[in-house]
Amino acid sequence: MCVADAAQGAGKLPIDVDEMGIDLLSLSSHKIYGPKGIGALFVRAKNPRVRLQPLIDGGGQERGLRSGTLATPLCVGFGAACELAEKEMENDRRHVSRLARLLLDSVREQIPDIEVNGSLTSRYPGNLNISFTFVEGESVLMSIRDVAISSGSACTSASLEPSYVLRALGVGEEVAHTSLRFGIGRFTREEDVRQCVERLVKQIHRLRELSPLYEMEMAKRKALASGVCPNDETDGNALIWT
């Protein structure tokens, strides 16, 4: 049986449950700009038929799977959001691709020693995860204002553990702790991206200046650039780098 959590996929990529062999598929309204508090579950009715135990017993609504009266305005809003998501899918992709490229290029130009986590091609362009070496992601979140970014998913925002998704991608724990996640959507403006970069650059530079590890790394690079080997002895004093 194939169970797909498509909360983050709906409206971003075409979904065909038959072609993909999906038996159960869950959707969330607010992820596609619909009202909060409602979702949907696709349950395959044949070839093969999937049988589920009721979530809530009672009046037998939703074919007996989830009894209780649903909020009509939420249902209507969710349906309208689905229609718009399908209609605007390509426009949304072009829009977020352009702004994601602007964000990444601007960050690269102004902040050295960054690393994009995950593939640059096999990814949804509206989700950009970047590691800023020598800076804890949580420190940036606490110091930057009026910018909605995160150091992990909203589902695990209360945890200080590094993102398990990044760890599964092979990102080391130390690098994962320096990561920030940027989400770009349908209503994100170019002005928003530029303001985000401006505030991010300021805080990253400020926090790095406070980092002894960053100071040591810069001194090491300066020594190497001047032709001094970090392990050479100078005037009887060894330069030791760890």
C-alpha atoms as a PDB file:
ATOM      1  CA  MET A   1       0.000   0.000   0.000  1.00  0.00           C
ATOM      2  CA  CYS A   2       1.253   3.461  -0.925  1.00  0.00           C
ATOM      3  CA  VAL A   3       0.362   6.297   1.451  1.00  0.00           C
ATOM      4  CA  ALA A   4       1.324   9.818   0.341  1.00  0.00           C
ATOM      5  CA  ASP A   5       1.398  12.949   2.463  1.00  0.00           C
ATOM      6  CA  ALA A   6       0.807  15.498  -0.294  1.00  0.00           C
ATOM      7  CA  ALA A   7       0.326  18.530   1.940  1.00  0.00           C
ATOM      8  CA  GLN A   8       3.439  20.173   0.490  1.00  0.00           C
ATOM      9  CA  GLY A   9       3.012  18.730  -3.002  1.00  0.00           C
ATOM     10  CA  ALA A  10      -0.482  19.888  -3.916  1.00  0.00           C
ATOM     11  CA  GLY A  11      -0.414  22.956  -6.126  1.00  0.00           C
ATOM     12  CA  LYS A  12       3.307  22.572  -6.707  1.00  0.00           C
ATOM     13  CA  LEU A  13       3.513  19.465  -8.881  1.00  0.00           C
ATOM     14  CA  PRO A  14       1.007  17.431 -10.912  1.00  0.00           C
ATOM     15  CA  ILE A  15      -0.461  14.534  -8.936  1.00  0.00           C
ATOM     16  CA  ASP A  16      -2.076  11.509 -10.610  1.00  0.00           C
ATOM     17  CA  VAL A  17      -3.011   8.879  -8.027  1.00  0.00           C
ATOM     18  CA  ASP A  18      -3.443   6.155 -10.665  1.00  0.00           C
ATOM     19  CA  GLU A  19      -0.200   6.828 -12.491  1.00  0.00           C
ATOM     20  CA  MET A  20       1.710   7.116  -9.216  1.00  0.00           C
ATOM     21  CA  GLY A  21       0.045   4.071  -7.671  1.00  0.00           C
ATOM     22  CA  ILE A  22      -1.181   5.992  -4.628  1.00  0.00           C
ATOM     23  CA  ASP A  23      -3.759   4.288  -2.397  1.00  0.00           C
ATOM     24  CA  LEU A  24      -4.156   6.963   0.278  1.00  0.00           C
ATOM     25  CA  LEU A  25      -3.343  10.644  -0.189  1.00  0.00           C
ATOM     26  CA  SER A  26      -3.762  13.453   2.329  1.00  0.00           C
ATOM     27  CA  LEU A  27      -4.106  17.164   1.545  1.00  0.00           C
ATOM     28  CA  SER A  28      -4.120  20.287   3.686  1.00  0.00           C
ATOM     29  CA  SER A  29      -6.078  23.391   2.719  1.00  0.00           C
ATOM     30  CA  HIS A  30      -3.856  26.082   4.223  1.00  0.00           C
ATOM     31  CA  LYS A  31      -0.822  24.804   2.301  1.00  0.00           C
ATOM     32  CA  ILE A  32      -2.471  25.950  -0.935  1.00  0.00           C
ATOM     33  CA  TYR A  33      -3.720  29.302   0.417  1.00  0.00           C
ATOM     34  CA  GLY A  34      -7.091  27.926   1.494  1.00  0.00           C
ATOM     35  CA  PRO A  35      -8.707  28.276   4.940  1.00  0.00           C
ATOM     36  CA  LYS A  36      -7.083  26.654   7.956  1.00  0.00           C
ATOM     37  CA  GLY A  37      -8.826  23.814   9.744  1.00  0.00           C
ATOM     38  CA  ILE A  38      -9.757  21.516   6.877  1.00  0.00           C
ATOM     39  CA  GLY A  39      -8.092  18.882   4.738  1.00  0.00           C
ATOM     40  CA  ALA A  40      -8.940  15.963   2.489  1.00  0.00           C
ATOM     41  CA  LEU A  41      -8.110  12.280   2.277  1.00  0.00           C
ATOM     42  CA  PHE A  42      -8.197  10.328  -0.967  1.00  0.00           C
ATOM     43  CA  VAL A  43      -9.077   6.668  -0.361  1.00  0.00           C
ATOM     44  CA  ARG A  44      -8.783   4.236  -3.259  1.00  0.00           C
ATOM     45  CA  ALA A  45     -12.157   2.579  -3.839  1.00  0.00           C
ATOM     46  CA  LYS A  46     -11.030  -0.206  -6.195  1.00  0.00           C
ATOM     47  CA  ASN A  47      -8.042  -1.995  -7.689  1.00  0.00           C
ATOM     48  CA  PRO A  48      -7.471  -2.487  -4.795  1.00  0.00           C
ATOM     49  CA  ARG A  49     -10.123  -1.148  -2.471  1.00  0.00           C
ATOM     50  CA  VAL A  50      -8.714   0.344   0.706  1.00  0.00           C
ATOM     51  CA  ARG A  51     -10.719  -0.240   3.879  1.00  0.00           C
ATOM     52  CA  LEU A  52     -10.276   2.064   6.849  1.00  0.00           C
ATOM     53  CA  GLN A  53     -11.544   2.080  10.406  1.00  0.00           C
ATOM     54  CA  PRO A  54     -13.662   5.146  11.291  1.00  0.00           C
ATOM     55  CA  LEU A  55     -11.795   8.066  12.794  1.00  0.00           C
ATOM     56  CA  ILE A  56     -14.881   9.377  14.623  1.00  0.00           C
ATOM     57  CA  ASP A  57     -18.092   7.388  15.162  1.00  0.00           C
ATOM     58  CA  GLY A  58     -21.493   9.020  15.153  1.00  0.00           C
ATOM     59  CA  GLY A  59     -23.764  10.191  12.372  1.00  0.00           C
ATOM     60  CA  GLY A  60     -21.955   8.353   9.593  1.00  0.00           C
ATOM     61  CA  GLN A  61     -20.877  11.401   7.593  1.00  0.00           C
ATOM     62  CA  GLU A  62     -18.013  11.090   5.132  1.00  0.00           C
ATOM     63  CA  ARG A  63     -19.109   7.543   4.294  1.00  0.00           C
ATOM     64  CA  GLY A  64     -18.773   6.559   7.910  1.00  0.00           C
ATOM     65  CA  LEU A  65     -15.075   7.390   8.110  1.00  0.00           C
ATOM     66  CA  ARG A  66     -15.346  10.704   9.935  1.00  0.00           C
ATOM     67  CA  SER A  67     -18.683  11.421  11.562  1.00  0.00           C
ATOM     68  CA  GLY A  68     -19.682  14.968  12.408  1.00  0.00           C
ATOM     69  CA  THR A  69     -20.927  18.013  10.529  1.00  0.00           C
ATOM     70  CA  LEU A  70     -18.195  19.785   8.604  1.00  0.00           C
ATOM     71  CA  ALA A  71     -17.938  23.570   8.282  1.00  0.00           C
ATOM     72  CA  THR A  72     -19.420  24.439   4.889  1.00  0.00           C
ATOM     73  CA  PRO A  73     -17.419  27.685   4.445  1.00  0.00           C
ATOM     74  CA  LEU A  74     -14.184  25.761   4.991  1.00  0.00           C
ATOM     75  CA  CYS A  75     -15.197  23.119   2.453  1.00  0.00           C
ATOM     76  CA  VAL A  76     -16.096  25.751  -0.146  1.00  0.00           C
ATOM     77  CA  GLY A  77     -12.892  27.676   0.508  1.00  0.00           C
ATOM     78  CA  PHE A  78     -10.807  24.522   0.191  1.00  0.00           C
ATOM     79  CA  GLY A  79     -12.484  23.662  -3.110  1.00  0.00           C
ATOM     80  CA  ALA A  80     -11.860  27.146  -4.492  1.00  0.00           C
ATOM     81  CA  ALA A  81      -8.228  26.983  -3.359  1.00  0.00           C
ATOM     82  CA  CYS A  82      -7.801  23.663  -5.194  1.00  0.00           C
ATOM     83  CA  GLU A  83      -9.177  25.164  -8.401  1.00  0.00           C
ATOM     84  CA  LEU A  84      -6.850  28.157  -8.137  1.00  0.00           C
ATOM     85  CA  ALA A  85      -3.886  25.937  -7.286  1.00  0.00           C
ATOM     86  CA  GLU A  86      -4.362  23.931 -10.466  1.00  0.00           C
ATOM     87  CA  LYS A  87      -4.928  27.045 -12.566  1.00  0.00           C
ATOM     88  CA  GLU A  88      -1.958  28.977 -11.178  1.00  0.00           C
ATOM     89  CA  MET A  89       0.519  26.114 -10.819  1.00  0.00           C
ATOM     90  CA  GLU A  90       2.802  27.110 -13.691  1.00  0.00           C
ATOM     91  CA  ASN A  91       2.559  30.825 -12.915  1.00  0.00           C
ATOM     92  CA  ASP A  92       3.416  30.102  -9.284  1.00  0.00           C
ATOM     93  CA  ARG A  93       6.411  28.005 -10.302  1.00  0.00           C
ATOM     94  CA  ARG A  94       7.798  30.729 -12.566  1.00  0.00           C
ATOM     95  CA  HIS A  95       7.218  33.349  -9.886  1.00  0.00           C
ATOM     96  CA  VAL A  96       8.901  31.467  -7.040  1.00  0.00           C
ATOM     97  CA  SER A  97      11.747  30.302  -9.302  1.00  0.00           C
ATOM     98  CA  ARG A  98      12.619  33.890 -10.178  1.00  0.00           C
ATOM     99  CA  LEU A  99      12.509  35.070  -6.574  1.00  0.00           C
ATOM    100  CA  ALA A 100      14.430  32.042  -5.287  1.00  0.00           C
ATOM    101  CA  ARG A 101      17.177  32.750  -7.798  1.00  0.00           C
ATOM    102  CA  LEU A 102      17.232  36.397  -6.693  1.00  0.00           C
ATOM    103  CA  LEU A 103      17.465  35.332  -3.049  1.00  0.00           C
ATOM    104  CA  LEU A 104      20.250  32.813  -3.601  1.00  0.00           C
ATOM    105  CA  ASP A 105      22.292  35.045  -5.908  1.00  0.00           C
ATOM    106  CA  SER A 106      22.000  37.991  -3.514  1.00  0.00           C
ATOM    107  CA  VAL A 107      23.053  35.885  -0.533  1.00  0.00           C
ATOM    108  CA  ARG A 108      26.003  34.404  -2.416  1.00  0.00           C
ATOM    109  CA  GLU A 109      27.202  37.849  -3.462  1.00  0.00           C
ATOM    110  CA  GLN A 110      27.191  39.238   0.077  1.00  0.00           C
ATOM    111  CA  ILE A 111      27.805  36.288   2.402  1.00  0.00           C
ATOM    112  CA  PRO A 112      30.780  33.946   1.930  1.00  0.00           C
ATOM    113  CA  ASP A 113      30.949  30.369   3.191  1.00  0.00           C
ATOM    114  CA  ILE A 114      27.386  29.271   2.584  1.00  0.00           C
ATOM    115  CA  GLU A 115      26.088  25.928   1.387  1.00  0.00           C
ATOM    116  CA  VAL A 116      22.781  25.084  -0.265  1.00  0.00           C
ATOM    117  CA  ASN A 117      21.383  21.893   1.215  1.00  0.00           C
ATOM    118  CA  GLY A 118      19.924  19.464  -1.281  1.00  0.00           C
ATOM    119  CA  SER A 119      20.006  19.409  -5.049  1.00  0.00           C
ATOM    120  CA  LEU A 120      19.847  22.698  -6.927  1.00  0.00           C
ATOM    121  CA  THR A 121      17.857  21.073  -9.730  1.00  0.00           C
ATOM    122  CA  SER A 122      15.742  18.259  -8.239  1.00  0.00           C
ATOM    123  CA  ARG A 123      13.840  20.418  -5.800  1.00  0.00           C
ATOM    124  CA  TYR A 124      10.819  22.677  -5.504  1.00  0.00           C
ATOM    125  CA  PRO A 125      12.232  26.171  -6.120  1.00  0.00           C
ATOM    126  CA  GLY A 126      10.067  27.809  -3.476  1.00  0.00           C
ATOM    127  CA  ASN A 127      11.829  25.955  -0.656  1.00  0.00           C
ATOM    128  CA  LEU A 128      15.445  26.985  -0.166  1.00  0.00           C
ATOM    129  CA  ASN A 129      17.588  25.640   2.665  1.00  0.00           C
ATOM    130  CA  ILE A 130      20.968  27.296   3.238  1.00  0.00           C
ATOM    131  CA  SER A 131      23.674  26.649   5.828  1.00  0.00           C
ATOM    132  CA  PHE A 132      25.707  29.617   7.061  1.00  0.00           C
ATOM    133  CA  THR A 133      28.916  28.270   8.573  1.00  0.00           C
ATOM    134  CA  PHE A 134      30.028  29.516  12.005  1.00  0.00           C
ATOM    135  CA  VAL A 135      26.511  30.755  12.833  1.00  0.00           C
ATOM    136  CA  GLU A 136      23.770  28.852  14.659  1.00  0.00           C
ATOM    137  CA  GLY A 137      20.486  28.990  12.778  1.00  0.00           C
ATOM    138  CA  GLU A 138      18.563  29.608  16.001  1.00  0.00           C
ATOM    139  CA  SER A 139      20.795  32.606  16.767  1.00  0.00           C
ATOM    140  CA  VAL A 140      19.836  34.184  13.458  1.00  0.00           C
ATOM    141  CA  LEU A 141      16.141  33.567  14.118  1.00  0.00           C
ATOM    142  CA  MET A 142      16.356  35.333  17.469  1.00  0.00           C
ATOM    143  CA  SER A 143      18.228  38.323  16.065  1.00  0.00           C
ATOM    144  CA  ILE A 144      16.396  39.015  12.808  1.00  0.00           C
ATOM    145  CA  ARG A 145      13.036  40.778  12.944  1.00  0.00           C
ATOM    146  CA  ASP A 146      10.000  40.947  10.683  1.00  0.00           C
ATOM    147  CA  VAL A 147      11.232  38.081   8.499  1.00  0.00           C
ATOM    148  CA  ALA A 148       9.400  34.740   8.624  1.00  0.00           C
ATOM    149  CA  ILE A 149      12.116  32.117   8.191  1.00  0.00           C
ATOM    150  CA  SER A 150      12.794  28.923  10.129  1.00  0.00           C
ATOM    151  CA  SER A 151      15.519  26.498  11.082  1.00  0.00           C
ATOM    152  CA  GLY A 152      13.313  23.481  10.352  1.00  0.00           C
ATOM    153  CA  SER A 153       9.763  22.475   9.522  1.00  0.00           C
ATOM    154  CA  ALA A 154       6.823  24.018  11.354  1.00  0.00           C
ATOM    155  CA  CYS A 155       5.943  20.516  12.588  1.00  0.00           C
ATOM    156  CA  THR A 156       9.142  20.384  14.672  1.00  0.00           C
ATOM    157  CA  SER A 157       9.683  24.078  15.397  1.00  0.00           C
ATOM    158  CA  ALA A 158       9.743  23.469  19.166  1.00  0.00           C
ATOM    159  CA  SER A 159      12.726  21.133  18.858  1.00  0.00           C
ATOM    160  CA  LEU A 160      16.331  22.334  18.918  1.00  0.00           C
ATOM    161  CA  GLU A 161      17.526  19.136  17.261  1.00  0.00           C
ATOM    162  CA  PRO A 162      18.953  19.524  13.740  1.00  0.00           C
ATOM    163  CA  SER A 163      16.534  18.846  10.899  1.00  0.00           C
ATOM    164  CA  TYR A 164      16.125  15.090  10.429  1.00  0.00           C
ATOM    165  CA  VAL A 165      15.497  15.768   6.742  1.00  0.00           C
ATOM    166  CA  LEU A 166      18.923  17.375   6.345  1.00  0.00           C
ATOM    167  CA  ARG A 167      20.512  14.521   8.278  1.00  0.00           C
ATOM    168  CA  ALA A 168      18.810  12.041   5.933  1.00  0.00           C
ATOM    169  CA  LEU A 169      20.293  13.973   2.992  1.00  0.00           C
ATOM    170  CA  GLY A 170      23.741  13.342   4.424  1.00  0.00           C
ATOM    171  CA  VAL A 171      24.270  16.788   5.943  1.00  0.00           C
ATOM    172  CA  GLY A 172      26.492  16.668   9.024  1.00  0.00           C
ATOM    173  CA  GLU A 173      25.008  17.607  12.381  1.00  0.00           C
ATOM    174  CA  GLU A 174      27.235  20.659  12.773  1.00  0.00           C
ATOM    175  CA  VAL A 175      26.300  22.012   9.341  1.00  0.00           C
ATOM    176  CA  ALA A 176      22.622  21.182   9.894  1.00  0.00           C
ATOM    177  CA  HIS A 177      22.627  23.366  13.015  1.00  0.00           C
ATOM    178  CA  THR A 178      23.698  26.335  10.871  1.00  0.00           C
ATOM    179  CA  SER A 179      20.844  25.958   8.393  1.00  0.00           C
ATOM    180  CA  LEU A 180      17.917  28.254   7.678  1.00  0.00           C
ATOM    181  CA  ARG A 181      14.859  27.485   5.588  1.00  0.00           C
ATOM    182  CA  PHE A 182      13.376  30.120   3.278  1.00  0.00           C
ATOM    183  CA  GLY A 183       9.887  29.696   1.861  1.00  0.00           C
ATOM    184  CA  ILE A 184       8.764  31.653  -1.193  1.00  0.00           C
ATOM    185  CA  GLY A 185       5.154  31.616  -2.292  1.00  0.00           C
ATOM    186  CA  ARG A 186       2.523  33.103  -4.539  1.00  0.00           C
ATOM    187  CA  PHE A 187       2.278  36.361  -2.609  1.00  0.00           C
ATOM    188  CA  THR A 188       5.979  36.903  -1.943  1.00  0.00           C
ATOM    189  CA  ARG A 189       7.216  40.103  -3.591  1.00  0.00           C
ATOM    190  CA  GLU A 190      10.641  41.038  -4.905  1.00  0.00           C
ATOM    191  CA  GLU A 191      10.720  43.782  -2.278  1.00  0.00           C
ATOM    192  CA  ASP A 192      10.223  41.139   0.430  1.00  0.00           C
ATOM    193  CA  VAL A 193      13.201  39.143  -0.824  1.00  0.00           C
ATOM    194  CA  ARG A 194      15.479  42.182  -0.944  1.00  0.00           C
ATOM    195  CA  GLN A 195      14.504  43.244   2.583  1.00  0.00           C
ATOM    196  CA  CYS A 196      15.079  39.711   3.830  1.00  0.00           C
ATOM    197  CA  VAL A 197      18.556  39.581   2.295  1.00  0.00           C
ATOM    198  CA  GLU A 198      19.462  43.008   3.674  1.00  0.00           C
ATOM    199  CA  ARG A 199      18.562  42.038   7.240  1.00  0.00           C
ATOM    200  CA  LEU A 200      20.048  38.571   6.903  1.00  0.00           C
ATOM    201  CA  VAL A 201      23.402  39.872   5.680  1.00  0.00           C
ATOM    202  CA  LYS A 202      23.619  42.313   8.580  1.00  0.00           C
ATOM    203  CA  GLN A 203      22.922  39.671  11.217  1.00  0.00           C
ATOM    204  CA  ILE A 204      25.133  36.955   9.719  1.00  0.00           C
ATOM    205  CA  HIS A 205      28.116  39.317   9.625  1.00  0.00           C
ATOM    206  CA  ARG A 206      27.405  40.521  13.170  1.00  0.00           C
ATOM    207  CA  LEU A 207      27.133  36.994  14.572  1.00  0.00           C
ATOM    208  CA  ARG A 208      30.234  35.799  12.766  1.00  0.00           C
ATOM    209  CA  GLU A 209      32.237  38.647  14.247  1.00  0.00           C
ATOM    210  CA  LEU A 210      31.264  37.303  17.668  1.00  0.00           C
ATOM    211  CA  SER A 211      32.293  33.740  16.809  1.00  0.00           C
ATOM    212  CA  PRO A 212      35.773  32.621  17.970  1.00  0.00           C
ATOM    213  CA  LEU A 213      35.654  29.765  15.451  1.00  0.00           C
ATOM    214  CA  TYR A 214      35.091  32.212  12.621  1.00  0.00           C
ATOM    215  CA  GLU A 215      37.928  34.401  13.894  1.00  0.00           C
ATOM    216  CA  MET A 216      40.280  31.403  13.954  1.00  0.00           C
ATOM    217  CA  GLU A 217      39.262  30.356  10.455  1.00  0.00           C
ATOM    218  CA  MET A 218      39.854  33.840   9.061  1.00  0.00           C
ATOM    219  CA  ALA A 219      43.279  34.009  10.734  1.00  0.00           C
ATOM    220  CA  LYS A 220      44.141  30.626   9.267  1.00  0.00           C
ATOM    221  CA  ARG A 221      43.135  31.712   5.766  1.00  0.00           C
ATOM    222  CA  LYS A 222      45.082  34.943   6.111  1.00  0.00           C
ATOM    223  CA  ALA A 223      48.180  33.004   7.132  1.00  0.00           C
ATOM    224  CA  LEU A 224      47.838  30.618   4.212  1.00  0.00           C
ATOM    225  CA  ALA A 225      47.305  33.496   1.793  1.00  0.00           C
ATOM    226  CA  SER A 226      50.517  35.123   3.006  1.00  0.00           C
ATOM    227  CA  GLY A 227      52.431  31.918   2.398  1.00  0.00           C
ATOM    228  CA  VAL A 228      52.719  30.835   6.017  1.00  0.00           C
ATOM    229  CA  CYS A 229      51.924  27.182   6.607  1.00  0.00           C
ATOM    230  CA  PRO A 230      49.706  26.774   9.696  1.00  0.00           C
ATOM    231  CA  ASN A 231      52.009  24.038  11.002  1.00  0.00           C
ATOM    232  CA  ASP A 232      55.278  25.921  10.340  1.00  0.00           C
ATOM    233  CA  GLU A 233      57.403  27.155  13.210  1.00  0.00           C
ATOM    234  CA  THR A 234      58.072  30.875  13.294  1.00  0.00           C
ATOM    235  CA  ASP A 235      60.680  32.227  15.723  1.00  0.00           C
ATOM    236  CA  GLY A 236      60.390  29.000  17.674  1.00  0.00           C
ATOM    237  CA  ASN A 237      56.636  29.342  18.122  1.00  0.00           C
ATOM    238  CA  ALA A 238      54.486  26.784  16.330  1.00  0.00           C
ATOM    239  CA  LEU A 239      51.229  27.928  14.778  1.00  0.00           C
ATOM    240  CA  ILE A 240      48.724  25.262  15.713  1.00  0.00           C
ATOM    241  CA  TRP A 241      45.287  25.040  14.138  1.00  0.00           C
ATOM    242  CA  THR A 242      42.587  22.622  15.162  1.00  0.00           C
END
